Amino acid sequence: MSDVMTLIREQIENNPVLLYMKGSPDAPQCGFSARTAQAVMAAGERFAFVDVLANPEIRAKLPEYANWPTFPQLWVQGELIGGCDIVAEMHEKGELVDLIKRAAVNPESESE
């Protein structure tokens, strides 16, 4: 496994809620990333993010790692939730807040 793939795996494992996006939550660089970040921020919990524009190696390898071709990508407790459309739909249904709050309150223990 390449160093970049290892880095991606570690980022996903070490952050209960992780958003791979273009730009940052405060300064998104595309509309899809903006909508996704807003939905995640609406849950009111801290989350990690990676700006794929500032990390071209991650931008190149994450679609291969995730088997998901586009950005943004929301990961919760090591699972790919999806991109903008899925996250927005979950947000509208109220499912996203519950998912994120559970992950923030009960991060998976290190002793699995």
N, C-alpha and C. Protein backbone atom coordinates (compact mmCIF):
# COMPACT_ATOMS: atom_id res chain seq x y z
N MET A 1 0.86 -1.18 0.00
CA MET A 1 0.00 0.00 0.00
C MET A 1 0.90 1.23 0.00
N SER A 2 0.59 2.18 -0.83
CA SER A 2 1.43 3.38 -0.94
C SER A 2 1.30 4.23 0.32
N ASP A 3 2.25 5.14 0.49
CA ASP A 3 2.22 6.04 1.63
C ASP A 3 0.94 6.86 1.65
N VAL A 4 0.49 7.29 0.47
CA VAL A 4 -0.73 8.09 0.40
C VAL A 4 -1.93 7.27 0.84
N MET A 5 -2.01 6.03 0.40
CA MET A 5 -3.11 5.16 0.80
C MET A 5 -3.09 4.92 2.31
N THR A 6 -1.88 4.76 2.86
CA THR A 6 -1.75 4.57 4.31
C THR A 6 -2.21 5.83 5.04
N LEU A 7 -1.82 6.98 4.54
CA LEU A 7 -2.24 8.25 5.14
C LEU A 7 -3.76 8.39 5.12
N ILE A 8 -4.37 8.08 3.99
CA ILE A 8 -5.84 8.16 3.88
C ILE A 8 -6.48 7.23 4.91
N ARG A 9 -6.02 6.00 4.97
CA ARG A 9 -6.58 5.03 5.91
C ARG A 9 -6.46 5.56 7.35
N GLU A 10 -5.29 6.11 7.69
CA GLU A 10 -5.08 6.63 9.05
C GLU A 10 -5.99 7.83 9.33
N GLN A 11 -6.16 8.70 8.34
CA GLN A 11 -7.06 9.85 8.53
C GLN A 11 -8.48 9.37 8.82
N ILE A 12 -8.93 8.41 8.05
CA ILE A 12 -10.30 7.89 8.20
C ILE A 12 -10.46 7.18 9.55
N GLU A 13 -9.44 6.41 9.94
CA GLU A 13 -9.52 5.67 11.21
C GLU A 13 -9.42 6.58 12.43
N ASN A 14 -8.68 7.68 12.31
CA ASN A 14 -8.40 8.52 13.48
C ASN A 14 -9.38 9.67 13.67
N ASN A 15 -10.31 9.86 12.76
CA ASN A 15 -11.27 10.95 12.86
C ASN A 15 -12.68 10.39 12.76
N PRO A 16 -13.47 10.48 13.85
CA PRO A 16 -14.82 9.92 13.82
C PRO A 16 -15.69 10.53 12.71
N VAL A 17 -15.50 11.82 12.45
CA VAL A 17 -16.23 12.48 11.36
C VAL A 17 -15.19 13.21 10.52
N LEU A 18 -15.10 12.84 9.25
CA LEU A 18 -14.07 13.38 8.36
C LEU A 18 -14.69 13.72 7.01
N LEU A 19 -14.43 14.94 6.56
CA LEU A 19 -14.94 15.40 5.27
C LEU A 19 -13.77 15.71 4.35
N TYR A 20 -13.72 14.98 3.25
CA TYR A 20 -12.77 15.31 2.18
C TYR A 20 -13.52 16.25 1.25
N MET A 21 -12.96 17.45 1.04
CA MET A 21 -13.68 18.46 0.27
C MET A 21 -12.71 19.34 -0.51
N LYS A 22 -13.28 20.14 -1.38
CA LYS A 22 -12.49 21.13 -2.11
C LYS A 22 -12.58 22.44 -1.33
N GLY A 23 -11.44 22.85 -0.76
CA GLY A 23 -11.40 24.03 0.09
C GLY A 23 -11.58 23.64 1.54
N SER A 24 -12.07 24.59 2.34
CA SER A 24 -12.30 24.35 3.76
C SER A 24 -13.75 24.68 4.09
N PRO A 25 -14.24 24.23 5.25
CA PRO A 25 -15.63 24.55 5.60
C PRO A 25 -15.91 26.06 5.58
N ASP A 26 -14.92 26.85 5.97
CA ASP A 26 -15.10 28.31 5.98
C ASP A 26 -14.91 28.94 4.61
N ALA A 27 -14.21 28.26 3.72
CA ALA A 27 -13.94 28.80 2.38
C ALA A 27 -13.98 27.68 1.35
N PRO A 28 -15.17 27.09 1.15
CA PRO A 28 -15.28 25.99 0.17
C PRO A 28 -14.97 26.49 -1.24
N GLN A 29 -14.40 25.59 -2.04
CA GLN A 29 -13.99 25.95 -3.40
C GLN A 29 -14.90 25.38 -4.47
N CYS A 30 -16.01 24.76 -4.08
CA CYS A 30 -17.01 24.35 -5.05
C CYS A 30 -18.36 24.26 -4.35
N GLY A 31 -19.42 24.36 -5.11
CA GLY A 31 -20.76 24.36 -4.55
C GLY A 31 -21.11 23.08 -3.83
N PHE A 32 -20.68 21.94 -4.37
CA PHE A 32 -20.98 20.66 -3.73
C PHE A 32 -20.30 20.57 -2.36
N SER A 33 -19.04 21.01 -2.30
CA SER A 33 -18.32 21.01 -1.02
C SER A 33 -18.99 21.97 -0.04
N ALA A 34 -19.43 23.11 -0.53
CA ALA A 34 -20.09 24.10 0.33
C ALA A 34 -21.36 23.51 0.94
N ARG A 35 -22.21 22.89 0.11
CA ARG A 35 -23.47 22.32 0.61
C ARG A 35 -23.21 21.20 1.62
N THR A 36 -22.22 20.36 1.33
CA THR A 36 -21.91 19.25 2.21
C THR A 36 -21.36 19.76 3.54
N ALA A 37 -20.43 20.71 3.49
CA ALA A 37 -19.85 21.26 4.72
C ALA A 37 -20.93 21.92 5.58
N GLN A 38 -21.85 22.64 4.95
CA GLN A 38 -22.93 23.30 5.70
C GLN A 38 -23.80 22.27 6.40
N ALA A 39 -24.10 21.17 5.71
CA ALA A 39 -24.92 20.12 6.31
C ALA A 39 -24.21 19.50 7.50
N VAL A 40 -22.91 19.24 7.36
CA VAL A 40 -22.14 18.64 8.46
C VAL A 40 -22.03 19.63 9.62
N MET A 41 -21.77 20.90 9.33
CA MET A 41 -21.64 21.91 10.38
C MET A 41 -22.96 22.09 11.13
N ALA A 42 -24.08 21.89 10.46
CA ALA A 42 -25.39 22.05 11.09
C ALA A 42 -25.61 21.04 12.21
N ALA A 43 -24.85 19.96 12.22
CA ALA A 43 -24.96 18.97 13.29
C ALA A 43 -24.38 19.51 14.60
N GLY A 44 -23.57 20.55 14.51
CA GLY A 44 -23.07 21.20 15.71
C GLY A 44 -21.91 20.50 16.40
N GLU A 45 -21.29 19.54 15.74
CA GLU A 45 -20.16 18.82 16.34
C GLU A 45 -18.89 19.16 15.57
N ARG A 46 -17.77 19.02 16.26
CA ARG A 46 -16.48 19.22 15.59
C ARG A 46 -16.24 18.09 14.61
N PHE A 47 -15.61 18.40 13.52
CA PHE A 47 -15.25 17.37 12.55
C PHE A 47 -13.96 17.76 11.87
N ALA A 48 -13.28 16.76 11.35
CA ALA A 48 -12.04 16.98 10.63
C ALA A 48 -12.35 17.14 9.15
N PHE A 49 -11.48 17.85 8.45
CA PHE A 49 -11.63 17.95 7.01
C PHE A 49 -10.25 17.93 6.36
N VAL A 50 -10.22 17.51 5.11
CA VAL A 50 -9.01 17.54 4.31
C VAL A 50 -9.35 18.26 3.02
N ASP A 51 -8.58 19.30 2.70
CA ASP A 51 -8.74 20.05 1.45
C ASP A 51 -8.01 19.29 0.35
N VAL A 52 -8.77 18.65 -0.54
CA VAL A 52 -8.13 17.84 -1.58
C VAL A 52 -7.43 18.70 -2.63
N LEU A 53 -7.78 19.98 -2.72
CA LEU A 53 -7.08 20.87 -3.66
C LEU A 53 -5.67 21.15 -3.16
N ALA A 54 -5.49 21.21 -1.85
CA ALA A 54 -4.18 21.45 -1.26
C ALA A 54 -3.37 20.16 -1.11
N ASN A 55 -4.02 19.02 -1.35
CA ASN A 55 -3.38 17.70 -1.19
C ASN A 55 -3.61 16.87 -2.46
N PRO A 56 -2.89 17.21 -3.55
CA PRO A 56 -3.16 16.54 -4.83
C PRO A 56 -2.98 15.03 -4.80
N GLU A 57 -2.07 14.52 -3.94
CA GLU A 57 -1.88 13.07 -3.86
C GLU A 57 -3.14 12.41 -3.31
N ILE A 58 -3.71 13.02 -2.27
CA ILE A 58 -4.94 12.48 -1.70
C ILE A 58 -6.07 12.60 -2.71
N ARG A 59 -6.13 13.73 -3.40
CA ARG A 59 -7.18 13.92 -4.42
C ARG A 59 -7.09 12.84 -5.49
N ALA A 60 -5.87 12.45 -5.84
CA ALA A 60 -5.68 11.44 -6.88
C ALA A 60 -6.02 10.03 -6.39
N LYS A 61 -5.71 9.73 -5.14
CA LYS A 61 -5.82 8.35 -4.64
C LYS A 61 -7.12 8.05 -3.90
N LEU A 62 -7.76 9.06 -3.30
CA LEU A 62 -8.95 8.79 -2.50
C LEU A 62 -10.06 8.11 -3.31
N PRO A 63 -10.34 8.54 -4.55
CA PRO A 63 -11.40 7.84 -5.29
C PRO A 63 -11.11 6.34 -5.44
N GLU A 64 -9.86 5.99 -5.61
CA GLU A 64 -9.46 4.58 -5.71
C GLU A 64 -9.66 3.89 -4.36
N TYR A 65 -9.22 4.55 -3.28
CA TYR A 65 -9.36 3.98 -1.94
C TYR A 65 -10.83 3.76 -1.60
N ALA A 66 -11.64 4.77 -1.88
CA ALA A 66 -13.05 4.75 -1.48
C ALA A 66 -13.95 4.03 -2.47
N ASN A 67 -13.44 3.82 -3.69
CA ASN A 67 -14.28 3.31 -4.77
C ASN A 67 -15.46 4.27 -4.99
N TRP A 68 -15.16 5.55 -4.88
CA TRP A 68 -16.15 6.62 -5.04
C TRP A 68 -15.45 7.73 -5.81
N PRO A 69 -15.92 8.09 -7.01
CA PRO A 69 -15.12 8.91 -7.92
C PRO A 69 -15.08 10.41 -7.63
N THR A 70 -15.99 10.92 -6.83
CA THR A 70 -16.13 12.37 -6.75
C THR A 70 -15.90 12.91 -5.34
N PHE A 71 -15.79 14.22 -5.26
CA PHE A 71 -15.67 14.94 -3.99
C PHE A 71 -16.86 15.88 -3.90
N PRO A 72 -17.30 16.19 -2.70
CA PRO A 72 -16.76 15.78 -1.41
C PRO A 72 -17.11 14.35 -1.05
N GLN A 73 -16.44 13.86 0.00
CA GLN A 73 -16.74 12.55 0.57
C GLN A 73 -16.82 12.71 2.08
N LEU A 74 -17.93 12.26 2.65
CA LEU A 74 -18.08 12.29 4.10
C LEU A 74 -17.89 10.88 4.65
N TRP A 75 -17.00 10.77 5.63
CA TRP A 75 -16.72 9.50 6.30
C TRP A 75 -17.11 9.66 7.76
N VAL A 76 -17.86 8.70 8.28
CA VAL A 76 -18.24 8.70 9.69
C VAL A 76 -17.89 7.34 10.29
N GLN A 77 -17.09 7.37 11.32
CA GLN A 77 -16.61 6.16 12.00
C GLN A 77 -16.08 5.12 11.01
N GLY A 78 -15.27 5.59 10.07
CA GLY A 78 -14.60 4.69 9.15
C GLY A 78 -15.42 4.24 7.96
N GLU A 79 -16.66 4.72 7.86
CA GLU A 79 -17.52 4.32 6.75
C GLU A 79 -17.79 5.50 5.84
N LEU A 80 -17.71 5.25 4.54
CA LEU A 80 -18.06 6.28 3.57
C LEU A 80 -19.57 6.45 3.57
N ILE A 81 -20.02 7.66 3.91
CA ILE A 81 -21.45 7.96 3.90
C ILE A 81 -21.88 8.33 2.48
N GLY A 82 -21.07 9.15 1.82
CA GLY A 82 -21.37 9.52 0.44
C GLY A 82 -20.93 10.93 0.14
N GLY A 83 -21.47 11.43 -0.97
CA GLY A 83 -21.14 12.76 -1.43
C GLY A 83 -22.25 13.75 -1.15
N CYS A 84 -22.25 14.83 -1.89
CA CYS A 84 -23.15 15.95 -1.63
C CYS A 84 -24.62 15.55 -1.64
N ASP A 85 -25.07 14.84 -2.66
CA ASP A 85 -26.50 14.52 -2.76
C ASP A 85 -26.97 13.66 -1.59
N ILE A 86 -26.18 12.65 -1.24
CA ILE A 86 -26.55 11.74 -0.15
C ILE A 86 -26.54 12.49 1.17
N VAL A 87 -25.50 13.29 1.41
CA VAL A 87 -25.39 14.03 2.67
C VAL A 87 -26.52 15.05 2.78
N ALA A 88 -26.82 15.75 1.68
CA ALA A 88 -27.90 16.75 1.70
C ALA A 88 -29.24 16.09 1.99
N GLU A 89 -29.47 14.93 1.38
CA GLU A 89 -30.73 14.21 1.59
C GLU A 89 -30.83 13.75 3.05
N MET A 90 -29.74 13.22 3.59
CA MET A 90 -29.75 12.79 4.99
C MET A 90 -29.97 13.98 5.92
N HIS A 91 -29.38 15.11 5.57
CA HIS A 91 -29.55 16.33 6.38
C HIS A 91 -31.02 16.76 6.38
N GLU A 92 -31.65 16.75 5.21
CA GLU A 92 -33.05 17.16 5.10
C GLU A 92 -33.97 16.24 5.89
N LYS A 93 -33.63 14.96 5.95
CA LYS A 93 -34.44 13.99 6.68
C LYS A 93 -34.13 13.97 8.17
N GLY A 94 -33.10 14.69 8.59
CA GLY A 94 -32.71 14.71 10.00
C GLY A 94 -31.83 13.55 10.41
N GLU A 95 -31.43 12.72 9.46
CA GLU A 95 -30.62 11.54 9.78
C GLU A 95 -29.15 11.89 10.01
N LEU A 96 -28.68 12.94 9.35
CA LEU A 96 -27.26 13.27 9.41
C LEU A 96 -26.87 13.73 10.81
N VAL A 97 -27.68 14.57 11.43
CA VAL A 97 -27.39 15.07 12.77
C VAL A 97 -27.23 13.90 13.74
N ASP A 98 -28.17 12.95 13.70
CA ASP A 98 -28.10 11.80 14.60
C ASP A 98 -26.81 11.01 14.37
N LEU A 99 -26.50 10.76 13.12
CA LEU A 99 -25.31 9.98 12.77
C LEU A 99 -24.05 10.67 13.30
N ILE A 100 -23.94 11.96 13.06
CA ILE A 100 -22.74 12.70 13.47
C ILE A 100 -22.67 12.83 14.98
N LYS A 101 -23.79 13.11 15.62
CA LYS A 101 -23.78 13.23 17.09
C LYS A 101 -23.39 11.91 17.75
N ARG A 102 -23.89 10.80 17.22
CA ARG A 102 -23.51 9.49 17.77
C ARG A 102 -22.01 9.27 17.61
N ALA A 103 -21.46 9.62 16.45
CA ALA A 103 -20.03 9.42 16.20
C ALA A 103 -19.20 10.31 17.11
N ALA A 104 -19.66 11.54 17.32
CA ALA A 104 -18.89 12.49 18.15
C ALA A 104 -18.93 12.09 19.62
N VAL A 105 -20.05 11.53 20.08
CA VAL A 105 -20.20 11.15 21.47
C VAL A 105 -19.52 9.80 21.75
N ASN A 106 -19.63 8.89 20.80
CA ASN A 106 -19.09 7.53 20.99
C ASN A 106 -18.05 7.19 19.95
N PRO A 107 -16.91 7.91 19.92
CA PRO A 107 -15.91 7.50 18.94
C PRO A 107 -15.51 6.06 19.24
N GLU A 108 -15.29 5.31 18.20
CA GLU A 108 -14.97 3.90 18.39
C GLU A 108 -13.71 3.77 19.24
N SER A 109 -13.74 2.81 20.14
CA SER A 109 -12.61 2.64 21.05
C SER A 109 -11.39 2.12 20.27
N GLU A 110 -10.25 2.37 20.85
CA GLU A 110 -8.99 1.98 20.19
C GLU A 110 -8.75 0.47 20.32
N SER A 111 -9.47 -0.20 21.22
CA SER A 111 -9.14 -1.58 21.54
C SER A 111 -10.05 -2.58 20.81
N GLU A 112 -10.31 -2.35 19.56
CA GLU A 112 -11.18 -3.28 18.82
C GLU A 112 -10.46 -4.57 18.52
